[in-house]
Structure formats: C-alpha cells, structure tokens
C-alpha cells in the first residue's frame, strides 16, 4: 500500500514543484502585467488539475490490484 501511495505522492510533489518553478520563472521574466504570464498561470492550474486526476486514477487502479484494497 505504502509503495504505491508513496510513488503517487512523490510524483505529485515533483509535478507541482516543476509547475511552480515554471510559473515563478515566467513571473520573474515577464512580470504580472504580461498576458503571457496569466496564460502560463492558467495553463499550470489546468495541468495541475489534469495530472492530479490522472495520478488519482493510477493510484486507484494500482490499489485495486492489491489485496488490502479488495477486502
């Protein structure tokens, strides 16, 4: 159980850190008055929601194959 859960949490943290670093870099390079910055923010939020949902689906699939989930 913890191997799959740990993998999902580590992957989620890594993806979140990469998206946060990307938004921070856009903020530093473009400033908040740029439309491209806000577009990057919207894209990062959308990517975070999509990837989080996919990770939850993957966790659910992997958990369904384990004995502790089917009890």
PDB file of N, CA and C in Angstrom:
ATOM      1  N   UNK A   1       0.820  -1.185   0.000  1.00  0.00           N
ATOM      2  CA  UNK A   1       0.000   0.000   0.000  1.00  0.00           C
ATOM      3  C   UNK A   1       0.865   1.250   0.000  1.00  0.00           C
ATOM      4  N   UNK A   2       1.859   1.270   0.860  1.00  0.00           N
ATOM      5  CA  UNK A   2       2.671   2.474   1.002  1.00  0.00           C
ATOM      6  C   UNK A   2       3.603   2.686  -0.182  1.00  0.00           C
ATOM      7  N   UNK A   3       3.968   1.626  -0.866  1.00  0.00           N
ATOM      8  CA  UNK A   3       4.826   1.788  -2.042  1.00  0.00           C
ATOM      9  C   UNK A   3       4.089   2.556  -3.134  1.00  0.00           C
ATOM     10  N   UNK A   4       2.856   2.172  -3.398  1.00  0.00           N
ATOM     11  CA  UNK A   4       2.065   2.846  -4.428  1.00  0.00           C
ATOM     12  C   UNK A   4       1.714   4.259  -3.982  1.00  0.00           C
ATOM     13  N   UNK A   5       1.282   4.409  -2.752  1.00  0.00           N
ATOM     14  CA  UNK A   5       0.913   5.723  -2.231  1.00  0.00           C
ATOM     15  C   UNK A   5       2.120   6.648  -2.197  1.00  0.00           C
ATOM     16  N   UNK A   6       3.260   6.138  -1.791  1.00  0.00           N
ATOM     17  CA  UNK A   6       4.475   6.944  -1.763  1.00  0.00           C
ATOM     18  C   UNK A   6       4.888   7.388  -3.157  1.00  0.00           C
ATOM     19  N   UNK A   7       4.747   6.494  -4.126  1.00  0.00           N
ATOM     20  CA  UNK A   7       5.079   6.845  -5.502  1.00  0.00           C
ATOM     21  C   UNK A   7       4.162   7.949  -6.021  1.00  0.00           C
ATOM     22  N   UNK A   8       2.873   7.838  -5.739  1.00  0.00           N
ATOM     23  CA  UNK A   8       1.921   8.848  -6.207  1.00  0.00           C
ATOM     24  C   UNK A   8       2.205  10.195  -5.543  1.00  0.00           C
ATOM     25  N   UNK A   9       2.456  10.201  -4.253  1.00  0.00           N
ATOM     26  CA  UNK A   9       2.734  11.460  -3.556  1.00  0.00           C
ATOM     27  C   UNK A   9       4.028  12.085  -4.065  1.00  0.00           C
ATOM     28  N   UNK A  10       5.059  11.285  -4.256  1.00  0.00           N
ATOM     29  CA  UNK A  10       6.330  11.808  -4.760  1.00  0.00           C
ATOM     30  C   UNK A  10       6.174  12.374  -6.174  1.00  0.00           C
ATOM     31  N   UNK A  11       5.429  11.693  -7.020  1.00  0.00           N
ATOM     32  CA  UNK A  11       5.201  12.175  -8.379  1.00  0.00           C
ATOM     33  C   UNK A  11       4.392  13.463  -8.367  1.00  0.00           C
ATOM     34  N   UNK A  12       3.363  13.523  -7.524  1.00  0.00           N
ATOM     35  CA  UNK A  12       2.544  14.729  -7.422  1.00  0.00           C
ATOM     36  C   UNK A  12       3.378  15.916  -6.934  1.00  0.00           C
ATOM     37  N   UNK A  13       4.219  15.701  -5.945  1.00  0.00           N
ATOM     38  CA  UNK A  13       5.076  16.777  -5.448  1.00  0.00           C
ATOM     39  C   UNK A  13       6.066  17.243  -6.512  1.00  0.00           C
ATOM     40  N   UNK A  14       6.617  16.310  -7.262  1.00  0.00           N
ATOM     41  CA  UNK A  14       7.558  16.656  -8.320  1.00  0.00           C
ATOM     42  C   UNK A  14       6.872  17.478  -9.418  1.00  0.00           C
ATOM     43  N   UNK A  15       5.690  17.060  -9.838  1.00  0.00           N
ATOM     44  CA  UNK A  15       4.953  17.789 -10.870  1.00  0.00           C
ATOM     45  C   UNK A  15       4.573  19.177 -10.365  1.00  0.00           C
ATOM     46  N   UNK A  16       4.112  19.260  -9.134  1.00  0.00           N
ATOM     47  CA  UNK A  16       3.740  20.548  -8.562  1.00  0.00           C
ATOM     48  C   UNK A  16       4.946  21.469  -8.462  1.00  0.00           C
ATOM     49  N   UNK A  17       6.082  20.942  -8.074  1.00  0.00           N
ATOM     50  CA  UNK A  17       7.295  21.758  -7.975  1.00  0.00           C
ATOM     51  C   UNK A  17       7.739  22.260  -9.349  1.00  0.00           C
ATOM     52  N   UNK A  18       7.655  21.420 -10.359  1.00  0.00           N
ATOM     53  CA  UNK A  18       8.038  21.835 -11.708  1.00  0.00           C
ATOM     54  C   UNK A  18       7.100  22.921 -12.226  1.00  0.00           C
ATOM     55  N   UNK A  19       5.801  22.753 -12.003  1.00  0.00           N
ATOM     56  CA  UNK A  19       4.849  23.767 -12.452  1.00  0.00           C
ATOM     57  C   UNK A  19       5.036  25.076 -11.685  1.00  0.00           C
ATOM     58  N   UNK A  20       5.285  24.996 -10.397  1.00  0.00           N
ATOM     59  CA  UNK A  20       5.524  26.202  -9.601  1.00  0.00           C
ATOM     60  C   UNK A  20       6.796  26.913 -10.045  1.00  0.00           C
ATOM     61  N   UNK A  21       7.830  26.156 -10.348  1.00  0.00           N
ATOM     62  CA  UNK A  21       9.076  26.759 -10.832  1.00  0.00           C
ATOM     63  C   UNK A  21       8.865  27.424 -12.186  1.00  0.00           C
ATOM     64  N   UNK A  22       8.069  26.814 -13.044  1.00  0.00           N
ATOM     65  CA  UNK A  22       7.781  27.392 -14.351  1.00  0.00           C
ATOM     66  C   UNK A  22       7.019  28.708 -14.209  1.00  0.00           C
ATOM     67  N   UNK A  23       6.012  28.725 -13.345  1.00  0.00           N
ATOM     68  CA  UNK A  23       5.242  29.950 -13.129  1.00  0.00           C
ATOM     69  C   UNK A  23       6.129  31.022 -12.501  1.00  0.00           C
ATOM     70  N   UNK A  24       6.981  30.638 -11.564  1.00  0.00           N
ATOM     71  CA  UNK A  24       7.888  31.602 -10.940  1.00  0.00           C
ATOM     72  C   UNK A  24       8.850  32.183 -11.969  1.00  0.00           C
ATOM     73  N   UNK A  25       9.368  31.357 -12.831  1.00  0.00           N
ATOM     74  CA  UNK A  25      10.268  31.834 -13.882  1.00  0.00           C
ATOM     75  C   UNK A  25       9.547  32.799 -14.824  1.00  0.00           C
ATOM     76  N   UNK A  26       8.314  32.474 -15.197  1.00  0.00           N
ATOM     77  CA  UNK A  26       7.527  33.380 -16.033  1.00  0.00           C
ATOM     78  C   UNK A  26       7.273  34.695 -15.306  1.00  0.00           C
ATOM     79  N   UNK A  27       7.014  34.629 -14.021  1.00  0.00           N
ATOM     80  CA  UNK A  27       6.786  35.840 -13.225  1.00  0.00           C
ATOM     81  C   UNK A  27       8.036  36.720 -13.190  1.00  0.00           C
ATOM     82  N   UNK A  28       9.188  36.089 -13.006  1.00  0.00           N
ATOM     83  CA  UNK A  28      10.428  36.851 -12.960  1.00  0.00           C
ATOM     84  C   UNK A  28      10.787  37.456 -14.318  1.00  0.00           C
ATOM     85  N   UNK A  29      10.548  36.722 -15.383  1.00  0.00           N
ATOM     86  CA  UNK A  29      10.917  37.195 -16.716  1.00  0.00           C
ATOM     87  C   UNK A  29       9.904  38.171 -17.311  1.00  0.00           C
ATOM     88  N   UNK A  30       8.625  37.924 -17.057  1.00  0.00           N
ATOM     89  CA  UNK A  30       7.584  38.694 -17.734  1.00  0.00           C
ATOM     90  C   UNK A  30       6.891  39.723 -16.851  1.00  0.00           C
ATOM     91  N   UNK A  31       6.822  39.474 -15.555  1.00  0.00           N
ATOM     92  CA  UNK A  31       6.070  40.347 -14.657  1.00  0.00           C
ATOM     93  C   UNK A  31       4.600  39.994 -14.680  1.00  0.00           C
ATOM     94  N   UNK A  32       3.862  40.571 -13.738  1.00  0.00           N
ATOM     95  CA  UNK A  32       2.444  40.227 -13.617  1.00  0.00           C
ATOM     96  C   UNK A  32       1.556  40.993 -14.584  1.00  0.00           C
ATOM     97  N   UNK A  33       2.102  41.973 -15.268  1.00  0.00           N
ATOM     98  CA  UNK A  33       1.300  42.761 -16.196  1.00  0.00           C
ATOM     99  C   UNK A  33       1.255  42.144 -17.597  1.00  0.00           C
ATOM    100  N   UNK A  34       1.964  41.057 -17.781  1.00  0.00           N
ATOM    101  CA  UNK A  34       2.003  40.408 -19.086  1.00  0.00           C
ATOM    102  C   UNK A  34       0.857  39.412 -19.224  1.00  0.00           C
ATOM    103  N   UNK A  35       0.241  39.421 -20.379  1.00  0.00           N
ATOM    104  CA  UNK A  35      -0.816  38.449 -20.648  1.00  0.00           C
ATOM    105  C   UNK A  35      -0.273  37.034 -20.756  1.00  0.00           C
ATOM    106  N   UNK A  36       0.966  36.910 -21.193  1.00  0.00           N
ATOM    107  CA  UNK A  36       1.591  35.587 -21.304  1.00  0.00           C
ATOM    108  C   UNK A  36       1.766  34.971 -19.920  1.00  0.00           C
ATOM    109  N   UNK A  37       2.072  35.795 -18.918  1.00  0.00           N
ATOM    110  CA  UNK A  37       2.206  35.287 -17.548  1.00  0.00           C
ATOM    111  C   UNK A  37       0.888  34.690 -17.073  1.00  0.00           C
ATOM    112  N   UNK A  38      -0.204  35.407 -17.298  1.00  0.00           N
ATOM    113  CA  UNK A  38      -1.505  34.900 -16.843  1.00  0.00           C
ATOM    114  C   UNK A  38      -1.929  33.668 -17.645  1.00  0.00           C
ATOM    115  N   UNK A  39      -1.552  33.623 -18.881  1.00  0.00           N
ATOM    116  CA  UNK A  39      -1.806  32.431 -19.684  1.00  0.00           C
ATOM    117  C   UNK A  39      -1.016  31.239 -19.132  1.00  0.00           C
ATOM    118  N   UNK A  40       0.233  31.495 -18.741  1.00  0.00           N
ATOM    119  CA  UNK A  40       1.055  30.433 -18.139  1.00  0.00           C
ATOM    120  C   UNK A  40       0.457  29.971 -16.814  1.00  0.00           C
ATOM    121  N   UNK A  41      -0.089  30.905 -16.031  1.00  0.00           N
ATOM    122  CA  UNK A  41      -0.733  30.531 -14.763  1.00  0.00           C
ATOM    123  C   UNK A  41      -1.950  29.651 -15.002  1.00  0.00           C
ATOM    124  N   UNK A  42      -2.772  30.045 -15.951  1.00  0.00           N
ATOM    125  CA  UNK A  42      -3.962  29.242 -16.277  1.00  0.00           C
ATOM    126  C   UNK A  42      -3.569  27.862 -16.797  1.00  0.00           C
ATOM    127  N   UNK A  43      -2.541  27.816 -17.620  1.00  0.00           N
ATOM    128  CA  UNK A  43      -2.074  26.531 -18.136  1.00  0.00           C
ATOM    129  C   UNK A  43      -1.521  25.657 -17.020  1.00  0.00           C
ATOM    130  N   UNK A  44      -0.811  26.268 -16.065  1.00  0.00           N
ATOM    131  CA  UNK A  44      -0.256  25.498 -14.952  1.00  0.00           C
ATOM    132  C   UNK A  44      -1.365  24.950 -14.058  1.00  0.00           C
ATOM    133  N   UNK A  45      -2.390  25.749 -13.793  1.00  0.00           N
ATOM    134  CA  UNK A  45      -3.509  25.276 -12.965  1.00  0.00           C
ATOM    135  C   UNK A  45      -4.245  24.147 -13.681  1.00  0.00           C
ATOM    136  N   UNK A  46      -4.475  24.314 -14.964  1.00  0.00           N
ATOM    137  CA  UNK A  46      -5.147  23.267 -15.741  1.00  0.00           C
ATOM    138  C   UNK A  46      -4.320  21.984 -15.760  1.00  0.00           C
ATOM    139  N   UNK A  47      -3.019  22.131 -15.963  1.00  0.00           N
ATOM    140  CA  UNK A  47      -2.139  20.956 -15.969  1.00  0.00           C
ATOM    141  C   UNK A  47      -2.117  20.281 -14.609  1.00  0.00           C
ATOM    142  N   UNK A  48      -2.102  21.068 -13.544  1.00  0.00           N
ATOM    143  CA  UNK A  48      -2.100  20.503 -12.189  1.00  0.00           C
ATOM    144  C   UNK A  48      -3.373  19.705 -11.933  1.00  0.00           C
ATOM    145  N   UNK A  49      -4.507  20.256 -12.307  1.00  0.00           N
ATOM    146  CA  UNK A  49      -5.775  19.549 -12.101  1.00  0.00           C
ATOM    147  C   UNK A  49      -5.828  18.265 -12.934  1.00  0.00           C
ATOM    148  N   UNK A  50      -5.420  18.349 -14.185  1.00  0.00           N
ATOM    149  CA  UNK A  50      -5.453  17.177 -15.062  1.00  0.00           C
ATOM    150  C   UNK A  50      -4.494  16.089 -14.565  1.00  0.00           C
ATOM    151  N   UNK A  51      -3.266  16.476 -14.253  1.00  0.00           N
ATOM    152  CA  UNK A  51      -2.278  15.483 -13.819  1.00  0.00           C
ATOM    153  C   UNK A  51      -2.618  14.904 -12.448  1.00  0.00           C
ATOM    154  N   UNK A  52      -3.200  15.707 -11.573  1.00  0.00           N
ATOM    155  CA  UNK A  52      -3.623  15.185 -10.265  1.00  0.00           C
ATOM    156  C   UNK A  52      -4.724  14.141 -10.443  1.00  0.00           C
ATOM    157  N   UNK A  53      -5.652  14.428 -11.333  1.00  0.00           N
ATOM    158  CA  UNK A  53      -6.723  13.454 -11.594  1.00  0.00           C
ATOM    159  C   UNK A  53      -6.168  12.166 -12.180  1.00  0.00           C
ATOM    160  N   UNK A  54      -5.216  12.284 -13.092  1.00  0.00           N
ATOM    161  CA  UNK A  54      -4.620  11.093 -13.676  1.00  0.00           C
ATOM    162  C   UNK A  54      -3.846  10.284 -12.634  1.00  0.00           C
ATOM    163  N   UNK A  55      -3.160  10.962 -11.728  1.00  0.00           N
ATOM    164  CA  UNK A  55      -2.445  10.250 -10.660  1.00  0.00           C
ATOM    165  C   UNK A  55      -3.415   9.542  -9.721  1.00  0.00           C
ATOM    166  N   UNK A  56      -4.536  10.184  -9.425  1.00  0.00           N
ATOM    167  CA  UNK A  56      -5.535   9.524  -8.590  1.00  0.00           C
ATOM    168  C   UNK A  56      -6.117   8.293  -9.287  1.00  0.00           C
ATOM    169  N   UNK A  57      -6.333   8.403 -10.581  1.00  0.00           N
ATOM    170  CA  UNK A  57      -6.827   7.238 -11.326  1.00  0.00           C
ATOM    171  C   UNK A  57      -5.795   6.107 -11.325  1.00  0.00           C
ATOM    172  N   UNK A  58      -4.526   6.476 -11.497  1.00  0.00           N
ATOM    173  CA  UNK A  58      -3.460   5.472 -11.474  1.00  0.00           C
ATOM    174  C   UNK A  58      -3.372   4.815 -10.098  1.00  0.00           C
ATOM    175  N   UNK A  59      -3.466   5.618  -9.037  1.00  0.00           N
ATOM    176  CA  UNK A  59      -3.410   5.072  -7.689  1.00  0.00           C
ATOM    177  C   UNK A  59      -4.586   4.126  -7.453  1.00  0.00           C
ATOM    178  N   UNK A  60      -5.769   4.524  -7.886  1.00  0.00           N
ATOM    179  CA  UNK A  60      -6.949   3.683  -7.713  1.00  0.00           C
ATOM    180  C   UNK A  60      -6.794   2.371  -8.476  1.00  0.00           C
ATOM    181  N   UNK A  61      -6.254   2.436  -9.674  1.00  0.00           N
ATOM    182  CA  UNK A  61      -6.039   1.231 -10.472  1.00  0.00           C
ATOM    183  C   UNK A  61      -5.038   0.302  -9.786  1.00  0.00           C
ATOM    184  N   UNK A  62      -3.923   0.849  -9.350  1.00  0.00           N
ATOM    185  CA  UNK A  62      -2.907   0.042  -8.671  1.00  0.00           C
ATOM    186  C   UNK A  62      -3.430  -0.493  -7.345  1.00  0.00           C
ATOM    187  N   UNK A  63      -4.193   0.323  -6.635  1.00  0.00           N
ATOM    188  CA  UNK A  63      -4.743  -0.130  -5.352  1.00  0.00           C
ATOM    189  C   UNK A  63      -5.745  -1.255  -5.555  1.00  0.00           C
ATOM    190  N   UNK A  64      -6.468  -1.222  -6.661  1.00  0.00           N
ATOM    191  CA  UNK A  64      -7.435  -2.279  -6.939  1.00  0.00           C
ATOM    192  C   UNK A  64      -6.780  -3.624  -7.195  1.00  0.00           C
ATOM    193  N   UNK A  65      -5.506  -3.626  -7.558  1.00  0.00           N
ATOM    194  CA  UNK A  65      -4.794  -4.879  -7.814  1.00  0.00           C
ATOM    195  C   UNK A  65      -4.167  -5.466  -6.552  1.00  0.00           C
ATOM    196  N   UNK A  66      -4.226  -4.745  -5.471  1.00  0.00           N
ATOM    197  CA  UNK A  66      -3.611  -5.182  -4.209  1.00  0.00           C
ATOM    198  C   UNK A  66      -4.659  -5.839  -3.320  1.00  0.00           C
ATOM    199  N   UNK A  67      -4.205  -6.721  -2.445  1.00  0.00           N
ATOM    200  CA  UNK A  67      -5.115  -7.459  -1.590  1.00  0.00           C
ATOM    201  C   UNK A  67      -5.768  -6.566  -0.559  1.00  0.00           C
ATOM    202  N   UNK A  68      -5.079  -5.530  -0.080  1.00  0.00           N
ATOM    203  CA  UNK A  68      -5.614  -4.698   1.004  1.00  0.00           C
ATOM    204  C   UNK A  68      -6.774  -3.817   0.544  1.00  0.00           C
ATOM    205  N   UNK A  69      -6.898  -3.588  -0.749  1.00  0.00           N
ATOM    206  CA  UNK A  69      -7.960  -2.733  -1.241  1.00  0.00           C
ATOM    207  C   UNK A  69      -9.245  -3.530  -1.476  1.00  0.00           C
ATOM    208  N   UNK A  70      -9.128  -4.812  -1.754  1.00  0.00           N
ATOM    209  CA  UNK A  70     -10.300  -5.614  -2.130  1.00  0.00           C
ATOM    210  C   UNK A  70     -10.999  -6.234  -0.936  1.00  0.00           C
ATOM    211  N   UNK A  71     -10.563  -5.953   0.247  1.00  0.00           N
ATOM    212  CA  UNK A  71     -11.220  -6.528   1.435  1.00  0.00           C
ATOM    213  C   UNK A  71     -12.596  -5.980   1.624  1.00  0.00           C
TER     214      UNK A  71
END
